[in-house]
Amino acid sequence: MSNSLEDALASVLAEHERGLLARAVVVAEVLDKEDERSLSISTAPGVMEWDALGLCRYGVLSAEGPAAANFAGGDM
């Protein structure tokens, strides 16, 4: 993760009073000049692979519950 991306993320979190940035994994869909899609995954310096995997997995689990409830019409 570039310092500018890490700084921007820390700034946005601070503006919204979300706390200090400790570790980060950013997953972004990127379109190149030919409109080809790819995933870009960046981590803050010092984030170990297992920490990045844990952060990503926790994020997936956090999103799956509300998404599943929405898909089921809120009947979960």
C-alpha atoms as a PDB file:
ATOM      1  CA  MET A   1       0.000   0.000   0.000  1.00  0.00           C
ATOM      2  CA  SER A   2       1.457   3.352  -0.897  1.00  0.00           C
ATOM      3  CA  ASN A   3       1.951   5.931   1.806  1.00  0.00           C
ATOM      4  CA  SER A   4      -0.539   8.223   0.065  1.00  0.00           C
ATOM      5  CA  LEU A   5      -3.266   5.545   0.154  1.00  0.00           C
ATOM      6  CA  GLU A   6      -2.508   4.737   3.784  1.00  0.00           C
ATOM      7  CA  ASP A   7      -2.511   8.452   4.667  1.00  0.00           C
ATOM      8  CA  ALA A   8      -5.811   9.017   2.841  1.00  0.00           C
ATOM      9  CA  LEU A   9      -7.448   6.063   4.590  1.00  0.00           C
ATOM     10  CA  ALA A  10      -6.189   7.230   7.994  1.00  0.00           C
ATOM     11  CA  SER A  11      -7.465  10.738   7.252  1.00  0.00           C
ATOM     12  CA  VAL A  12     -10.944   9.534   6.267  1.00  0.00           C
ATOM     13  CA  LEU A  13     -11.175   7.346   9.378  1.00  0.00           C
ATOM     14  CA  ALA A  14     -10.113  10.290  11.562  1.00  0.00           C
ATOM     15  CA  GLU A  15     -12.628  12.646   9.914  1.00  0.00           C
ATOM     16  CA  HIS A  16     -15.418  10.209  10.750  1.00  0.00           C
ATOM     17  CA  GLU A  17     -14.078   9.623  14.282  1.00  0.00           C
ATOM     18  CA  ARG A  18     -13.487   5.931  13.585  1.00  0.00           C
ATOM     19  CA  GLY A  19     -10.170   5.793  15.450  1.00  0.00           C
ATOM     20  CA  LEU A  20      -6.535   5.378  14.472  1.00  0.00           C
ATOM     21  CA  LEU A  21      -5.564   3.193  11.558  1.00  0.00           C
ATOM     22  CA  ALA A  22      -3.687   0.184  12.951  1.00  0.00           C
ATOM     23  CA  ARG A  23      -3.668  -2.247  10.020  1.00  0.00           C
ATOM     24  CA  ALA A  24      -5.368  -2.155   6.659  1.00  0.00           C
ATOM     25  CA  VAL A  25      -6.182  -4.319   3.695  1.00  0.00           C
ATOM     26  CA  VAL A  26      -7.718  -2.569   0.709  1.00  0.00           C
ATOM     27  CA  VAL A  27      -9.412  -4.645  -1.979  1.00  0.00           C
ATOM     28  CA  ALA A  28     -10.427  -2.655  -5.028  1.00  0.00           C
ATOM     29  CA  GLU A  29     -11.780  -3.528  -8.445  1.00  0.00           C
ATOM     30  CA  VAL A  30      -9.715  -1.671 -11.028  1.00  0.00           C
ATOM     31  CA  LEU A  31     -10.499  -0.921 -14.667  1.00  0.00           C
ATOM     32  CA  ASP A  32      -7.511  -0.534 -16.961  1.00  0.00           C
ATOM     33  CA  LYS A  33      -7.340   1.525 -20.149  1.00  0.00           C
ATOM     34  CA  GLU A  34      -9.063  -1.265 -22.098  1.00  0.00           C
ATOM     35  CA  ASP A  35     -11.856  -1.533 -19.484  1.00  0.00           C
ATOM     36  CA  GLU A  36     -10.502  -4.884 -18.320  1.00  0.00           C
ATOM     37  CA  ARG A  37     -11.329  -5.570 -14.683  1.00  0.00           C
ATOM     38  CA  SER A  38      -8.916  -6.844 -12.079  1.00  0.00           C
ATOM     39  CA  LEU A  39      -8.648  -6.902  -8.315  1.00  0.00           C
ATOM     40  CA  SER A  40      -6.003  -4.853  -6.592  1.00  0.00           C
ATOM     41  CA  ILE A  41      -5.111  -5.901  -3.053  1.00  0.00           C
ATOM     42  CA  SER A  42      -2.902  -3.656  -0.958  1.00  0.00           C
ATOM     43  CA  THR A  43      -1.863  -3.919   2.669  1.00  0.00           C
ATOM     44  CA  ALA A  44      -0.381  -1.432   5.070  1.00  0.00           C
ATOM     45  CA  PRO A  45       3.351  -1.921   5.675  1.00  0.00           C
ATOM     46  CA  GLY A  46       4.108  -4.674   8.159  1.00  0.00           C
ATOM     47  CA  VAL A  47       0.798  -6.534   7.775  1.00  0.00           C
ATOM     48  CA  MET A  48       1.608 -10.232   7.733  1.00  0.00           C
ATOM     49  CA  GLU A  49      -0.147 -12.541   5.257  1.00  0.00           C
ATOM     50  CA  TRP A  50      -2.130 -14.267   8.017  1.00  0.00           C
ATOM     51  CA  ASP A  51      -3.247 -10.889   9.391  1.00  0.00           C
ATOM     52  CA  ALA A  52      -4.384  -9.797   5.926  1.00  0.00           C
ATOM     53  CA  LEU A  53      -6.259 -13.066   5.459  1.00  0.00           C
ATOM     54  CA  GLY A  54      -7.883 -12.701   8.882  1.00  0.00           C
ATOM     55  CA  LEU A  55      -8.952  -9.124   8.195  1.00  0.00           C
ATOM     56  CA  CYS A  56     -10.402 -10.108   4.811  1.00  0.00           C
ATOM     57  CA  ARG A  57     -12.210 -13.140   6.204  1.00  0.00           C
ATOM     58  CA  TYR A  58     -13.689 -11.120   9.062  1.00  0.00           C
ATOM     59  CA  GLY A  59     -14.872  -8.523   6.531  1.00  0.00           C
ATOM     60  CA  VAL A  60     -16.525 -11.227   4.416  1.00  0.00           C
ATOM     61  CA  LEU A  61     -18.300 -12.710   7.428  1.00  0.00           C
ATOM     62  CA  SER A  62     -19.447  -9.244   8.508  1.00  0.00           C
ATOM     63  CA  ALA A  63     -20.951  -8.592   5.072  1.00  0.00           C
ATOM     64  CA  GLU A  64     -22.477 -12.045   4.567  1.00  0.00           C
ATOM     65  CA  GLY A  65     -24.967 -11.819   7.442  1.00  0.00           C
ATOM     66  CA  PRO A  66     -26.711  -8.592   6.364  1.00  0.00           C
ATOM     67  CA  ALA A  67     -26.501  -9.570   2.686  1.00  0.00           C
ATOM     68  CA  ALA A  68     -28.096 -12.955   3.353  1.00  0.00           C
ATOM     69  CA  ALA A  69     -30.836 -11.364   5.463  1.00  0.00           C
ATOM     70  CA  ASN A  70     -31.534  -8.848   2.693  1.00  0.00           C
ATOM     71  CA  PHE A  71     -31.646 -11.625   0.086  1.00  0.00           C
ATOM     72  CA  ALA A  72     -34.065 -13.616   2.261  1.00  0.00           C
ATOM     73  CA  GLY A  73     -36.304 -10.584   2.653  1.00  0.00           C
ATOM     74  CA  GLY A  74     -35.220  -9.977   6.233  1.00  0.00           C
ATOM     75  CA  ASP A  75     -36.601 -13.332   7.393  1.00  0.00           C
ATOM     76  CA  MET A  76     -33.301 -14.555   8.846  1.00  0.00           C
END
